[in-house]
Amino acid sequence: MGLAFVNRYRSPVSICLVWYNRSCGAPPWRKTGWWNLGVNQTAQVLTGNLNSRYYYFHARAADGAYWGENNRQILVTNNRFDICLNGILEPSYLVPLREIDTGDYTGFTVTLV
Protein backbone atom coordinates (compact mmCIF):
# COMPACT_ATOMS: atom_id res chain seq x y z
CA MET A 1 0.00 0.00 0.00
CA GLY A 2 1.05 3.62 -0.33
CA LEU A 3 2.98 5.44 -3.02
CA ALA A 4 6.39 4.25 -4.21
CA PHE A 5 8.89 5.36 -6.85
CA VAL A 6 11.29 3.09 -8.72
CA ASN A 7 14.29 4.56 -10.53
CA ARG A 8 14.88 2.68 -13.79
CA TYR A 9 16.59 5.72 -15.34
CA ARG A 10 20.30 5.59 -16.18
CA SER A 11 21.44 7.91 -13.36
CA PRO A 12 20.44 8.81 -9.78
CA VAL A 13 17.26 10.87 -9.31
CA SER A 14 15.81 13.12 -6.60
CA ILE A 15 12.03 13.28 -6.07
CA CYS A 16 9.64 15.67 -4.34
CA LEU A 17 5.92 15.10 -3.87
CA VAL A 18 2.76 17.21 -3.50
CA TRP A 19 -0.45 15.67 -2.15
CA TYR A 20 -3.85 16.60 -0.71
CA ASN A 21 -3.58 17.06 3.05
CA ARG A 22 -6.48 18.60 5.01
CA SER A 23 -4.26 19.52 7.94
CA CYS A 24 -2.68 22.24 5.77
CA GLY A 25 -5.89 24.33 5.66
CA ALA A 26 -6.25 26.45 2.54
CA PRO A 27 -4.99 25.31 0.16
CA PRO A 28 -5.07 21.77 1.58
CA TRP A 29 -1.87 20.53 -0.08
CA ARG A 30 1.48 19.45 1.38
CA LYS A 31 4.89 19.27 -0.31
CA THR A 32 7.86 17.22 0.77
CA GLY A 33 11.24 16.28 -0.64
CA TRP A 34 13.77 14.98 -1.36
CA TRP A 35 14.06 11.24 -1.82
CA ASN A 36 17.33 10.30 -3.51
CA LEU A 37 17.29 7.09 -5.51
CA GLY A 38 20.24 5.41 -7.15
CA VAL A 39 19.76 3.42 -10.33
CA ASN A 40 17.29 0.54 -9.74
CA GLN A 41 16.45 1.74 -6.22
CA THR A 42 12.91 2.07 -4.81
CA ALA A 43 11.55 4.57 -2.27
CA GLN A 44 8.26 4.25 -0.41
CA VAL A 45 7.27 7.93 -0.13
CA LEU A 46 3.77 7.50 1.40
CA THR A 47 2.61 4.56 3.48
CA GLY A 48 -0.87 3.23 4.15
CA ASN A 49 -3.86 3.42 1.82
CA LEU A 50 -3.85 6.27 -0.68
CA ASN A 51 -6.68 8.64 0.17
CA SER A 52 -6.61 10.75 -3.01
CA ARG A 53 -6.73 9.95 -6.67
CA TYR A 54 -4.22 12.61 -7.78
CA TYR A 55 -0.68 13.25 -6.60
CA TYR A 56 2.02 15.44 -8.14
CA PHE A 57 5.76 14.97 -8.26
CA HIS A 58 8.93 16.44 -9.63
CA ALA A 59 11.96 14.26 -10.29
CA ARG A 60 15.35 15.37 -11.51
CA ALA A 61 18.25 13.21 -12.56
CA ALA A 62 21.92 13.81 -11.92
CA ASP A 63 22.43 14.14 -15.71
CA GLY A 64 19.91 17.03 -15.98
CA ALA A 65 16.83 15.09 -17.14
CA TYR A 66 13.60 15.82 -15.27
CA TRP A 67 9.98 14.70 -15.01
CA GLY A 68 7.38 17.46 -14.87
CA GLU A 69 5.21 19.73 -17.02
CA ASN A 70 5.52 23.50 -16.93
CA ASN A 71 1.77 24.15 -16.55
CA ARG A 72 2.03 23.13 -12.85
CA GLN A 73 4.89 24.35 -10.71
CA ILE A 74 5.83 24.63 -7.04
CA LEU A 75 8.54 26.35 -5.04
CA VAL A 76 11.17 24.03 -3.57
CA THR A 77 14.60 24.28 -2.02
CA ASN A 78 17.66 22.04 -2.30
CA ASN A 79 17.40 21.16 1.41
CA ARG A 80 14.96 18.57 2.75
CA PHE A 81 11.47 19.97 3.32
CA ASP A 82 8.06 18.86 4.56
CA ILE A 83 5.71 21.83 4.62
CA CYS A 84 2.24 23.01 3.56
CA LEU A 85 2.09 24.19 -0.05
CA ASN A 86 2.22 27.92 0.73
CA GLY A 87 4.91 27.55 3.37
CA ILE A 88 8.06 29.61 2.86
CA LEU A 89 11.26 27.88 1.78
CA GLU A 90 14.49 29.85 1.51
CA PRO A 91 16.23 29.88 -0.84
CA SER A 92 13.64 28.59 -3.29
CA TYR A 93 13.07 28.04 -6.98
CA LEU A 94 10.25 26.76 -9.21
CA VAL A 95 10.09 23.21 -10.52
CA PRO A 96 7.51 21.67 -12.87
CA LEU A 97 5.23 18.90 -11.62
CA ARG A 98 3.89 15.76 -13.23
CA GLU A 99 0.45 14.42 -12.29
CA ILE A 100 -0.09 10.88 -11.03
CA ASP A 101 -3.60 9.46 -11.47
CA THR A 102 -3.86 6.50 -9.10
CA GLY A 103 -7.42 5.69 -10.10
CA ASP A 104 -9.12 3.58 -7.43
CA TYR A 105 -5.91 1.94 -6.26
CA THR A 106 -4.93 2.12 -2.59
CA GLY A 107 -1.30 1.49 -3.52
CA PHE A 108 0.60 2.75 -6.54
CA THR A 109 4.16 2.61 -7.93
CA VAL A 110 5.66 5.17 -10.32
CA THR A 111 8.53 3.90 -12.46
CA LEU A 112 10.92 6.54 -13.77
CA VAL A 113 12.48 5.57 -17.10
C-alpha atoms as a PDB file:
ATOM      1  CA  MET A   1       0.000   0.000   0.000  1.00  0.00           C
ATOM      2  CA  GLY A   2       1.049   3.621  -0.330  1.00  0.00           C
ATOM      3  CA  LEU A   3       2.984   5.438  -3.023  1.00  0.00           C
ATOM      4  CA  ALA A   4       6.391   4.248  -4.205  1.00  0.00           C
ATOM      5  CA  PHE A   5       8.891   5.360  -6.845  1.00  0.00           C
ATOM      6  CA  VAL A   6      11.294   3.092  -8.724  1.00  0.00           C
ATOM      7  CA  ASN A   7      14.292   4.564 -10.533  1.00  0.00           C
ATOM      8  CA  ARG A   8      14.883   2.681 -13.792  1.00  0.00           C
ATOM      9  CA  TYR A   9      16.587   5.719 -15.340  1.00  0.00           C
ATOM     10  CA  ARG A  10      20.298   5.587 -16.175  1.00  0.00           C
ATOM     11  CA  SER A  11      21.437   7.907 -13.359  1.00  0.00           C
ATOM     12  CA  PRO A  12      20.440   8.810  -9.780  1.00  0.00           C
ATOM     13  CA  VAL A  13      17.257  10.865  -9.312  1.00  0.00           C
ATOM     14  CA  SER A  14      15.805  13.122  -6.598  1.00  0.00           C
ATOM     15  CA  ILE A  15      12.031  13.279  -6.069  1.00  0.00           C
ATOM     16  CA  CYS A  16       9.642  15.670  -4.336  1.00  0.00           C
ATOM     17  CA  LEU A  17       5.918  15.101  -3.868  1.00  0.00           C
ATOM     18  CA  VAL A  18       2.757  17.212  -3.501  1.00  0.00           C
ATOM     19  CA  TRP A  19      -0.450  15.667  -2.150  1.00  0.00           C
ATOM     20  CA  TYR A  20      -3.849  16.598  -0.709  1.00  0.00           C
ATOM     21  CA  ASN A  21      -3.582  17.057   3.047  1.00  0.00           C
ATOM     22  CA  ARG A  22      -6.478  18.596   5.007  1.00  0.00           C
ATOM     23  CA  SER A  23      -4.258  19.522   7.938  1.00  0.00           C
ATOM     24  CA  CYS A  24      -2.684  22.243   5.769  1.00  0.00           C
ATOM     25  CA  GLY A  25      -5.891  24.330   5.658  1.00  0.00           C
ATOM     26  CA  ALA A  26      -6.254  26.453   2.537  1.00  0.00           C
ATOM     27  CA  PRO A  27      -4.987  25.310   0.163  1.00  0.00           C
ATOM     28  CA  PRO A  28      -5.075  21.770   1.577  1.00  0.00           C
ATOM     29  CA  TRP A  29      -1.867  20.530  -0.075  1.00  0.00           C
ATOM     30  CA  ARG A  30       1.482  19.454   1.385  1.00  0.00           C
ATOM     31  CA  LYS A  31       4.886  19.271  -0.308  1.00  0.00           C
ATOM     32  CA  THR A  32       7.856  17.224   0.766  1.00  0.00           C
ATOM     33  CA  GLY A  33      11.238  16.284  -0.644  1.00  0.00           C
ATOM     34  CA  TRP A  34      13.774  14.984  -1.355  1.00  0.00           C
ATOM     35  CA  TRP A  35      14.064  11.239  -1.820  1.00  0.00           C
ATOM     36  CA  ASN A  36      17.330  10.304  -3.505  1.00  0.00           C
ATOM     37  CA  LEU A  37      17.290   7.094  -5.509  1.00  0.00           C
ATOM     38  CA  GLY A  38      20.240   5.411  -7.152  1.00  0.00           C
ATOM     39  CA  VAL A  39      19.758   3.416 -10.330  1.00  0.00           C
ATOM     40  CA  ASN A  40      17.294   0.537  -9.739  1.00  0.00           C
ATOM     41  CA  GLN A  41      16.451   1.744  -6.222  1.00  0.00           C
ATOM     42  CA  THR A  42      12.912   2.069  -4.810  1.00  0.00           C
ATOM     43  CA  ALA A  43      11.547   4.565  -2.272  1.00  0.00           C
ATOM     44  CA  GLN A  44       8.257   4.255  -0.411  1.00  0.00           C
ATOM     45  CA  VAL A  45       7.266   7.933  -0.131  1.00  0.00           C
ATOM     46  CA  LEU A  46       3.772   7.505   1.398  1.00  0.00           C
ATOM     47  CA  THR A  47       2.611   4.564   3.477  1.00  0.00           C
ATOM     48  CA  GLY A  48      -0.867   3.228   4.146  1.00  0.00           C
ATOM     49  CA  ASN A  49      -3.861   3.424   1.820  1.00  0.00           C
ATOM     50  CA  LEU A  50      -3.854   6.267  -0.678  1.00  0.00           C
ATOM     51  CA  ASN A  51      -6.684   8.643   0.170  1.00  0.00           C
ATOM     52  CA  SER A  52      -6.606  10.746  -3.005  1.00  0.00           C
ATOM     53  CA  ARG A  53      -6.727   9.949  -6.667  1.00  0.00           C
ATOM     54  CA  TYR A  54      -4.219  12.611  -7.779  1.00  0.00           C
ATOM     55  CA  TYR A  55      -0.677  13.248  -6.605  1.00  0.00           C
ATOM     56  CA  TYR A  56       2.022  15.435  -8.139  1.00  0.00           C
ATOM     57  CA  PHE A  57       5.765  14.970  -8.261  1.00  0.00           C
ATOM     58  CA  HIS A  58       8.933  16.436  -9.633  1.00  0.00           C
ATOM     59  CA  ALA A  59      11.963  14.255 -10.291  1.00  0.00           C
ATOM     60  CA  ARG A  60      15.347  15.367 -11.515  1.00  0.00           C
ATOM     61  CA  ALA A  61      18.254  13.211 -12.557  1.00  0.00           C
ATOM     62  CA  ALA A  62      21.925  13.810 -11.923  1.00  0.00           C
ATOM     63  CA  ASP A  63      22.431  14.141 -15.712  1.00  0.00           C
ATOM     64  CA  GLY A  64      19.907  17.026 -15.984  1.00  0.00           C
ATOM     65  CA  ALA A  65      16.833  15.091 -17.143  1.00  0.00           C
ATOM     66  CA  TYR A  66      13.602  15.819 -15.275  1.00  0.00           C
ATOM     67  CA  TRP A  67       9.984  14.701 -15.015  1.00  0.00           C
ATOM     68  CA  GLY A  68       7.378  17.464 -14.875  1.00  0.00           C
ATOM     69  CA  GLU A  69       5.211  19.732 -17.019  1.00  0.00           C
ATOM     70  CA  ASN A  70       5.516  23.497 -16.931  1.00  0.00           C
ATOM     71  CA  ASN A  71       1.775  24.154 -16.552  1.00  0.00           C
ATOM     72  CA  ARG A  72       2.027  23.128 -12.854  1.00  0.00           C
ATOM     73  CA  GLN A  73       4.894  24.350 -10.708  1.00  0.00           C
ATOM     74  CA  ILE A  74       5.831  24.634  -7.039  1.00  0.00           C
ATOM     75  CA  LEU A  75       8.536  26.354  -5.039  1.00  0.00           C
ATOM     76  CA  VAL A  76      11.166  24.031  -3.574  1.00  0.00           C
ATOM     77  CA  THR A  77      14.598  24.277  -2.015  1.00  0.00           C
ATOM     78  CA  ASN A  78      17.657  22.039  -2.300  1.00  0.00           C
ATOM     79  CA  ASN A  79      17.395  21.160   1.406  1.00  0.00           C
ATOM     80  CA  ARG A  80      14.965  18.566   2.745  1.00  0.00           C
ATOM     81  CA  PHE A  81      11.475  19.966   3.318  1.00  0.00           C
ATOM     82  CA  ASP A  82       8.057  18.860   4.562  1.00  0.00           C
ATOM     83  CA  ILE A  83       5.705  21.831   4.623  1.00  0.00           C
ATOM     84  CA  CYS A  84       2.245  23.010   3.558  1.00  0.00           C
ATOM     85  CA  LEU A  85       2.093  24.186  -0.049  1.00  0.00           C
ATOM     86  CA  ASN A  86       2.218  27.924   0.729  1.00  0.00           C
ATOM     87  CA  GLY A  87       4.914  27.551   3.374  1.00  0.00           C
ATOM     88  CA  ILE A  88       8.056  29.606   2.863  1.00  0.00           C
ATOM     89  CA  LEU A  89      11.256  27.881   1.776  1.00  0.00           C
ATOM     90  CA  GLU A  90      14.494  29.851   1.510  1.00  0.00           C
ATOM     91  CA  PRO A  91      16.230  29.882  -0.841  1.00  0.00           C
ATOM     92  CA  SER A  92      13.644  28.589  -3.290  1.00  0.00           C
ATOM     93  CA  TYR A  93      13.072  28.042  -6.984  1.00  0.00           C
ATOM     94  CA  LEU A  94      10.247  26.763  -9.209  1.00  0.00           C
ATOM     95  CA  VAL A  95      10.088  23.210 -10.522  1.00  0.00           C
ATOM     96  CA  PRO A  96       7.514  21.671 -12.868  1.00  0.00           C
ATOM     97  CA  LEU A  97       5.226  18.900 -11.624  1.00  0.00           C
ATOM     98  CA  ARG A  98       3.886  15.756 -13.232  1.00  0.00           C
ATOM     99  CA  GLU A  99       0.447  14.421 -12.293  1.00  0.00           C
ATOM    100  CA  ILE A 100      -0.091  10.881 -11.027  1.00  0.00           C
ATOM    101  CA  ASP A 101      -3.598   9.455 -11.472  1.00  0.00           C
ATOM    102  CA  THR A 102      -3.859   6.499  -9.097  1.00  0.00           C
ATOM    103  CA  GLY A 103      -7.423   5.687 -10.100  1.00  0.00           C
ATOM    104  CA  ASP A 104      -9.116   3.584  -7.430  1.00  0.00           C
ATOM    105  CA  TYR A 105      -5.906   1.938  -6.258  1.00  0.00           C
ATOM    106  CA  THR A 106      -4.927   2.121  -2.590  1.00  0.00           C
ATOM    107  CA  GLY A 107      -1.296   1.486  -3.519  1.00  0.00           C
ATOM    108  CA  PHE A 108       0.601   2.748  -6.544  1.00  0.00           C
ATOM    109  CA  THR A 109       4.160   2.609  -7.933  1.00  0.00           C
ATOM    110  CA  VAL A 110       5.657   5.171 -10.323  1.00  0.00           C
ATOM    111  CA  THR A 111       8.527   3.898 -12.456  1.00  0.00           C
ATOM    112  CA  LEU A 112      10.925   6.542 -13.767  1.00  0.00           C
ATOM    113  CA  VAL A 113      12.480   5.568 -17.098  1.00  0.00           C
END
